Amino acid sequence: MAGTRSGLVILVALLLLSGSVAVAQQESKPCAGDIKALCAGIRPGEGRIKACIKSHLTDLSPTCQDRLLTVAVTGKVCKTDVAKLCAGIVPGTGGIRACIKSHIAEVSDACRDAMSQAAAGRKILGGADL
């Protein structure tokens, strides 16, 4: 009886742990689901996934968009876009994120590239990949 009970406790612990691992993986790769859904038929390599994400920036999930907006707001690559599109907005209030989100179609190709690289889980040269 004690052996069955401890086996059951171990089984429940493993099930809970596997769920936690899945959640942690989703948090560390917030755009993985978007890539699977929006770029399902795209073969990885030679920038194809990045190009797919770049063409679907407005179709991304809120979690993935949040990741990309973090890159846009904090990265050096998008600094010019932030200055141009969001001049006069006070940093630290969430206003810059909202501004970039509302002007996503107007950001430069370099900034779009940085955001799509972040979605693909790559480090960004010249900026933080947060």
N, C-alpha and C. Protein backbone atom coordinates (compact mmCIF):
# COMPACT_ATOMS: atom_id res chain seq x y z
N MET A 1 0.82 -1.19 0.00
CA MET A 1 0.00 0.00 0.00
C MET A 1 0.87 1.26 0.00
N ALA A 2 1.92 1.27 0.84
CA ALA A 2 2.80 2.43 0.90
C ALA A 2 3.54 2.60 -0.42
N GLY A 3 3.92 1.48 -1.05
CA GLY A 3 4.61 1.54 -2.34
C GLY A 3 3.73 2.12 -3.42
N THR A 4 2.46 1.76 -3.42
CA THR A 4 1.51 2.27 -4.40
C THR A 4 1.31 3.78 -4.19
N ARG A 5 1.21 4.16 -2.93
CA ARG A 5 0.99 5.57 -2.62
C ARG A 5 2.19 6.41 -3.05
N SER A 6 3.41 5.95 -2.74
CA SER A 6 4.60 6.72 -3.12
C SER A 6 4.76 6.74 -4.65
N GLY A 7 4.37 5.66 -5.31
CA GLY A 7 4.42 5.64 -6.78
C GLY A 7 3.44 6.65 -7.36
N LEU A 8 2.28 6.77 -6.75
CA LEU A 8 1.28 7.73 -7.19
C LEU A 8 1.77 9.16 -6.97
N VAL A 9 2.41 9.41 -5.83
CA VAL A 9 2.96 10.73 -5.54
C VAL A 9 4.03 11.10 -6.56
N ILE A 10 4.88 10.15 -6.89
CA ILE A 10 5.93 10.39 -7.88
C ILE A 10 5.32 10.68 -9.25
N LEU A 11 4.29 9.91 -9.62
CA LEU A 11 3.63 10.12 -10.90
C LEU A 11 3.00 11.50 -10.98
N VAL A 12 2.31 11.93 -9.92
CA VAL A 12 1.69 13.25 -9.89
C VAL A 12 2.76 14.34 -9.96
N ALA A 13 3.86 14.15 -9.23
CA ALA A 13 4.95 15.13 -9.25
C ALA A 13 5.54 15.25 -10.66
N LEU A 14 5.73 14.12 -11.34
CA LEU A 14 6.27 14.15 -12.70
C LEU A 14 5.31 14.85 -13.67
N LEU A 15 4.02 14.60 -13.51
CA LEU A 15 3.04 15.26 -14.37
C LEU A 15 3.03 16.77 -14.14
N LEU A 16 3.09 17.19 -12.89
CA LEU A 16 3.14 18.62 -12.58
C LEU A 16 4.42 19.24 -13.11
N LEU A 17 5.53 18.55 -12.95
CA LEU A 17 6.81 19.05 -13.43
C LEU A 17 6.82 19.18 -14.94
N SER A 18 6.27 18.20 -15.65
CA SER A 18 6.25 18.28 -17.12
C SER A 18 5.40 19.45 -17.58
N GLY A 19 4.33 19.75 -16.89
CA GLY A 19 3.51 20.91 -17.22
C GLY A 19 4.28 22.20 -16.99
N SER A 20 5.05 22.26 -15.91
CA SER A 20 5.85 23.44 -15.62
C SER A 20 6.93 23.65 -16.67
N VAL A 21 7.53 22.56 -17.12
CA VAL A 21 8.56 22.65 -18.15
C VAL A 21 7.96 23.19 -19.44
N ALA A 22 6.78 22.71 -19.80
CA ALA A 22 6.12 23.19 -21.02
C ALA A 22 5.81 24.68 -20.93
N VAL A 23 5.34 25.12 -19.77
CA VAL A 23 5.06 26.55 -19.59
C VAL A 23 6.34 27.35 -19.66
N ALA A 24 7.41 26.87 -19.04
CA ALA A 24 8.70 27.58 -19.08
C ALA A 24 9.23 27.67 -20.50
N GLN A 25 9.08 26.60 -21.28
CA GLN A 25 9.53 26.63 -22.67
C GLN A 25 8.72 27.64 -23.47
N GLN A 26 7.42 27.73 -23.22
CA GLN A 26 6.59 28.70 -23.93
C GLN A 26 7.01 30.12 -23.58
N GLU A 27 7.36 30.35 -22.29
CA GLU A 27 7.77 31.68 -21.87
C GLU A 27 9.11 32.06 -22.46
N SER A 28 10.03 31.10 -22.62
CA SER A 28 11.34 31.42 -23.15
C SER A 28 11.32 31.57 -24.67
N LYS A 29 10.32 31.05 -25.33
CA LYS A 29 10.16 31.17 -26.78
C LYS A 29 8.73 31.60 -27.08
N PRO A 30 8.41 32.87 -26.78
CA PRO A 30 7.02 33.32 -26.89
C PRO A 30 6.47 33.35 -28.32
N CYS A 31 7.34 33.22 -29.31
CA CYS A 31 6.87 33.29 -30.70
C CYS A 31 6.84 31.92 -31.38
N ALA A 32 7.19 30.87 -30.66
CA ALA A 32 7.26 29.54 -31.27
C ALA A 32 5.92 29.11 -31.86
N GLY A 33 4.83 29.34 -31.13
CA GLY A 33 3.51 28.98 -31.62
C GLY A 33 3.12 29.78 -32.85
N ASP A 34 3.49 31.05 -32.86
CA ASP A 34 3.20 31.91 -34.01
C ASP A 34 3.96 31.42 -35.25
N ILE A 35 5.20 31.05 -35.05
CA ILE A 35 6.01 30.56 -36.17
C ILE A 35 5.39 29.28 -36.72
N LYS A 36 4.97 28.39 -35.82
CA LYS A 36 4.35 27.15 -36.27
C LYS A 36 3.05 27.42 -37.03
N ALA A 37 2.26 28.35 -36.53
CA ALA A 37 0.96 28.62 -37.15
C ALA A 37 1.07 29.44 -38.44
N LEU A 38 1.89 30.48 -38.42
CA LEU A 38 1.94 31.39 -39.55
C LEU A 38 2.94 30.99 -40.63
N CYS A 39 3.91 30.19 -40.25
CA CYS A 39 4.99 29.82 -41.19
C CYS A 39 5.11 28.31 -41.32
N ALA A 40 3.99 27.61 -41.20
CA ALA A 40 3.99 26.15 -41.18
C ALA A 40 4.66 25.52 -42.40
N GLY A 41 4.44 26.05 -43.57
CA GLY A 41 4.98 25.44 -44.78
C GLY A 41 6.35 25.96 -45.17
N ILE A 42 6.94 26.79 -44.34
CA ILE A 42 8.23 27.41 -44.67
C ILE A 42 9.37 26.54 -44.17
N ARG A 43 10.30 26.23 -45.05
CA ARG A 43 11.48 25.45 -44.67
C ARG A 43 12.51 26.37 -44.02
N PRO A 44 12.97 26.05 -42.80
CA PRO A 44 13.95 26.89 -42.12
C PRO A 44 15.26 27.00 -42.90
N GLY A 45 15.93 28.11 -42.72
CA GLY A 45 17.23 28.35 -43.35
C GLY A 45 17.17 29.48 -44.34
N GLU A 46 18.32 30.09 -44.54
CA GLU A 46 18.49 31.18 -45.51
C GLU A 46 17.52 32.34 -45.28
N GLY A 47 17.12 32.57 -44.03
CA GLY A 47 16.28 33.71 -43.69
C GLY A 47 14.81 33.56 -44.01
N ARG A 48 14.37 32.35 -44.37
CA ARG A 48 12.98 32.17 -44.77
C ARG A 48 12.00 32.37 -43.61
N ILE A 49 12.34 31.87 -42.42
CA ILE A 49 11.45 32.04 -41.26
C ILE A 49 11.39 33.51 -40.89
N LYS A 50 12.54 34.17 -40.89
CA LYS A 50 12.59 35.60 -40.58
C LYS A 50 11.71 36.39 -41.55
N ALA A 51 11.80 36.08 -42.83
CA ALA A 51 10.98 36.76 -43.84
C ALA A 51 9.50 36.50 -43.61
N CYS A 52 9.16 35.28 -43.22
CA CYS A 52 7.77 34.94 -42.96
C CYS A 52 7.24 35.76 -41.78
N ILE A 53 7.99 35.79 -40.68
CA ILE A 53 7.58 36.57 -39.51
C ILE A 53 7.46 38.04 -39.88
N LYS A 54 8.42 38.53 -40.65
CA LYS A 54 8.40 39.95 -41.06
C LYS A 54 7.13 40.27 -41.83
N SER A 55 6.67 39.35 -42.64
CA SER A 55 5.45 39.59 -43.42
C SER A 55 4.18 39.43 -42.59
N HIS A 56 4.30 38.88 -41.38
CA HIS A 56 3.13 38.66 -40.52
C HIS A 56 3.21 39.43 -39.21
N LEU A 57 3.97 40.51 -39.14
CA LEU A 57 4.14 41.24 -37.88
C LEU A 57 2.82 41.64 -37.24
N THR A 58 1.84 41.98 -38.03
CA THR A 58 0.55 42.41 -37.46
C THR A 58 -0.35 41.24 -37.09
N ASP A 59 0.03 40.02 -37.45
CA ASP A 59 -0.79 38.84 -37.16
C ASP A 59 -0.32 38.06 -35.94
N LEU A 60 0.73 38.52 -35.28
CA LEU A 60 1.34 37.77 -34.18
C LEU A 60 0.50 37.84 -32.91
N SER A 61 0.65 36.83 -32.06
CA SER A 61 -0.06 36.79 -30.79
C SER A 61 0.42 37.94 -29.89
N PRO A 62 -0.40 38.32 -28.92
CA PRO A 62 0.01 39.39 -28.00
C PRO A 62 1.32 39.09 -27.28
N THR A 63 1.55 37.84 -26.90
CA THR A 63 2.79 37.47 -26.20
C THR A 63 4.00 37.67 -27.11
N CYS A 64 3.88 37.24 -28.34
CA CYS A 64 4.97 37.41 -29.29
C CYS A 64 5.16 38.89 -29.62
N GLN A 65 4.08 39.61 -29.83
CA GLN A 65 4.19 41.05 -30.10
C GLN A 65 4.88 41.76 -28.95
N ASP A 66 4.58 41.36 -27.72
CA ASP A 66 5.21 41.97 -26.56
C ASP A 66 6.72 41.77 -26.60
N ARG A 67 7.14 40.56 -26.96
CA ARG A 67 8.57 40.27 -27.10
C ARG A 67 9.21 41.18 -28.15
N LEU A 68 8.55 41.32 -29.27
CA LEU A 68 9.09 42.12 -30.37
C LEU A 68 9.11 43.60 -30.02
N LEU A 69 8.08 44.07 -29.33
CA LEU A 69 8.05 45.46 -28.92
C LEU A 69 9.15 45.76 -27.91
N THR A 70 9.46 44.80 -27.05
CA THR A 70 10.57 44.97 -26.12
C THR A 70 11.87 45.16 -26.88
N VAL A 71 12.07 44.35 -27.91
CA VAL A 71 13.26 44.48 -28.74
C VAL A 71 13.28 45.84 -29.42
N ALA A 72 12.14 46.25 -29.95
CA ALA A 72 12.06 47.53 -30.67
C ALA A 72 12.35 48.70 -29.75
N VAL A 73 11.80 48.67 -28.55
CA VAL A 73 11.93 49.80 -27.63
C VAL A 73 13.32 49.84 -27.00
N THR A 74 13.92 48.69 -26.73
CA THR A 74 15.20 48.67 -26.02
C THR A 74 16.41 48.51 -26.93
N GLY A 75 16.20 48.04 -28.14
CA GLY A 75 17.32 47.77 -29.02
C GLY A 75 17.84 48.99 -29.74
N LYS A 76 19.13 49.01 -29.97
CA LYS A 76 19.76 50.11 -30.69
C LYS A 76 19.31 50.16 -32.14
N VAL A 77 18.98 49.02 -32.70
CA VAL A 77 18.57 48.94 -34.10
C VAL A 77 17.34 49.79 -34.37
N CYS A 78 16.43 49.85 -33.42
CA CYS A 78 15.17 50.58 -33.61
C CYS A 78 15.18 51.97 -32.98
N LYS A 79 16.32 52.39 -32.49
CA LYS A 79 16.40 53.67 -31.79
C LYS A 79 15.93 54.84 -32.66
N THR A 80 16.32 54.85 -33.93
CA THR A 80 15.92 55.92 -34.85
C THR A 80 14.41 55.90 -35.06
N ASP A 81 13.84 54.70 -35.19
CA ASP A 81 12.39 54.58 -35.37
C ASP A 81 11.64 55.13 -34.16
N VAL A 82 12.12 54.80 -32.97
CA VAL A 82 11.48 55.28 -31.75
C VAL A 82 11.55 56.80 -31.70
N ALA A 83 12.74 57.36 -32.01
CA ALA A 83 12.89 58.82 -31.98
C ALA A 83 11.99 59.50 -33.01
N LYS A 84 11.89 58.91 -34.18
CA LYS A 84 11.11 59.51 -35.27
C LYS A 84 9.60 59.36 -35.05
N LEU A 85 9.17 58.15 -34.71
CA LEU A 85 7.74 57.87 -34.63
C LEU A 85 7.11 58.22 -33.28
N CYS A 86 7.94 58.27 -32.25
CA CYS A 86 7.40 58.43 -30.90
C CYS A 86 8.04 59.60 -30.15
N ALA A 87 8.43 60.62 -30.88
CA ALA A 87 9.03 61.80 -30.26
C ALA A 87 8.07 62.41 -29.25
N GLY A 88 8.60 62.80 -28.12
CA GLY A 88 7.78 63.45 -27.10
C GLY A 88 7.11 62.52 -26.12
N ILE A 89 7.22 61.23 -26.33
CA ILE A 89 6.60 60.28 -25.39
C ILE A 89 7.60 59.97 -24.29
N VAL A 90 7.15 60.05 -23.06
CA VAL A 90 8.01 59.84 -21.90
C VAL A 90 8.31 58.36 -21.72
N PRO A 91 9.60 57.99 -21.68
CA PRO A 91 9.97 56.59 -21.46
C PRO A 91 9.53 56.11 -20.07
N GLY A 92 9.27 54.82 -19.96
CA GLY A 92 8.94 54.21 -18.68
C GLY A 92 7.47 54.15 -18.36
N THR A 93 6.63 54.66 -19.21
CA THR A 93 5.19 54.66 -18.93
C THR A 93 4.43 53.66 -19.79
N GLY A 94 5.14 52.99 -20.69
CA GLY A 94 4.49 52.07 -21.62
C GLY A 94 4.03 52.77 -22.88
N GLY A 95 4.20 54.07 -22.93
CA GLY A 95 3.76 54.84 -24.08
C GLY A 95 4.56 54.55 -25.34
N ILE A 96 5.86 54.32 -25.19
CA ILE A 96 6.69 54.04 -26.36
C ILE A 96 6.30 52.70 -26.98
N ARG A 97 6.04 51.71 -26.15
CA ARG A 97 5.59 50.41 -26.65
C ARG A 97 4.29 50.56 -27.43
N ALA A 98 3.35 51.30 -26.86
CA ALA A 98 2.06 51.50 -27.52
C ALA A 98 2.26 52.28 -28.83
N CYS A 99 3.16 53.24 -28.82
CA CYS A 99 3.42 54.03 -30.01
C CYS A 99 4.00 53.16 -31.13
N ILE A 100 5.02 52.37 -30.81
CA ILE A 100 5.64 51.49 -31.82
C ILE A 100 4.60 50.50 -32.33
N LYS A 101 3.77 49.97 -31.43
CA LYS A 101 2.74 49.02 -31.85
C LYS A 101 1.77 49.68 -32.82
N SER A 102 1.41 50.93 -32.57
CA SER A 102 0.47 51.60 -33.46
C SER A 102 1.11 52.02 -34.78
N HIS A 103 2.44 52.08 -34.82
CA HIS A 103 3.16 52.46 -36.04
C HIS A 103 3.96 51.29 -36.63
N ILE A 104 3.59 50.07 -36.31
CA ILE A 104 4.37 48.90 -36.72
C ILE A 104 4.56 48.85 -38.24
N ALA A 105 3.60 49.32 -38.99
CA ALA A 105 3.72 49.30 -40.45
C ALA A 105 4.71 50.33 -40.96
N GLU A 106 5.08 51.29 -40.12
CA GLU A 106 5.96 52.37 -40.53
C GLU A 106 7.40 52.21 -40.09
N VAL A 107 7.71 51.20 -39.26
CA VAL A 107 9.08 51.05 -38.79
C VAL A 107 9.99 50.66 -39.95
N SER A 108 11.27 50.99 -39.80
CA SER A 108 12.25 50.72 -40.86
C SER A 108 12.45 49.23 -41.07
N ASP A 109 12.99 48.89 -42.22
CA ASP A 109 13.29 47.48 -42.51
C ASP A 109 14.28 46.92 -41.50
N ALA A 110 15.26 47.73 -41.08
CA ALA A 110 16.25 47.25 -40.10
C ALA A 110 15.57 46.90 -38.78
N CYS A 111 14.63 47.71 -38.35
CA CYS A 111 13.89 47.44 -37.12
C CYS A 111 13.00 46.22 -37.29
N ARG A 112 12.32 46.11 -38.42
CA ARG A 112 11.50 44.93 -38.70
C ARG A 112 12.37 43.67 -38.69
N ASP A 113 13.55 43.77 -39.28
CA ASP A 113 14.47 42.63 -39.28
C ASP A 113 14.84 42.24 -37.86
N ALA A 114 15.13 43.24 -37.02
CA ALA A 114 15.49 42.96 -35.63
C ALA A 114 14.35 42.28 -34.90
N MET A 115 13.14 42.75 -35.13
CA MET A 115 11.99 42.15 -34.46
C MET A 115 11.74 40.74 -34.97
N SER A 116 11.87 40.51 -36.26
CA SER A 116 11.64 39.17 -36.80
C SER A 116 12.73 38.21 -36.35
N GLN A 117 13.96 38.69 -36.20
CA GLN A 117 15.04 37.85 -35.67
C GLN A 117 14.75 37.48 -34.22
N ALA A 118 14.21 38.43 -33.46
CA ALA A 118 13.85 38.14 -32.07
C ALA A 118 12.75 37.09 -32.03
N ALA A 119 11.80 37.18 -32.93
CA ALA A 119 10.72 36.19 -32.98
C ALA A 119 11.27 34.81 -33.28
N ALA A 120 12.28 34.77 -34.11
CA ALA A 120 12.89 33.49 -34.45
C ALA A 120 13.84 33.00 -33.35
N GLY A 121 14.03 33.81 -32.30
CA GLY A 121 14.85 33.40 -31.16
C GLY A 121 16.33 33.66 -31.35
N ARG A 122 16.69 34.57 -32.25
CA ARG A 122 18.11 34.88 -32.48
C ARG A 122 18.51 36.11 -31.71
N LYS A 123 19.79 36.19 -31.37
CA LYS A 123 20.33 37.38 -30.73
C LYS A 123 20.38 38.50 -31.75
N ILE A 124 20.18 39.70 -31.28
CA ILE A 124 20.17 40.87 -32.14
C ILE A 124 21.52 41.58 -32.01
N LEU A 125 22.18 41.82 -33.11
CA LEU A 125 23.42 42.58 -33.08
C LEU A 125 23.08 44.05 -32.86
N GLY A 126 23.77 44.66 -31.94
CA GLY A 126 23.55 46.07 -31.68
C GLY A 126 22.38 46.34 -30.76
N GLY A 127 21.84 45.35 -30.13
CA GLY A 127 20.73 45.57 -29.21
C GLY A 127 20.47 44.35 -28.37
N ALA A 128 19.64 44.51 -27.39
CA ALA A 128 19.32 43.42 -26.47
C ALA A 128 18.23 42.54 -27.06
N ASP A 129 18.35 41.27 -26.83
CA ASP A 129 17.31 40.32 -27.24
C ASP A 129 16.58 39.92 -25.97
N LEU A 130 15.61 40.70 -25.59
CA LEU A 130 14.94 40.50 -24.30
C LEU A 130 13.68 39.67 -24.45
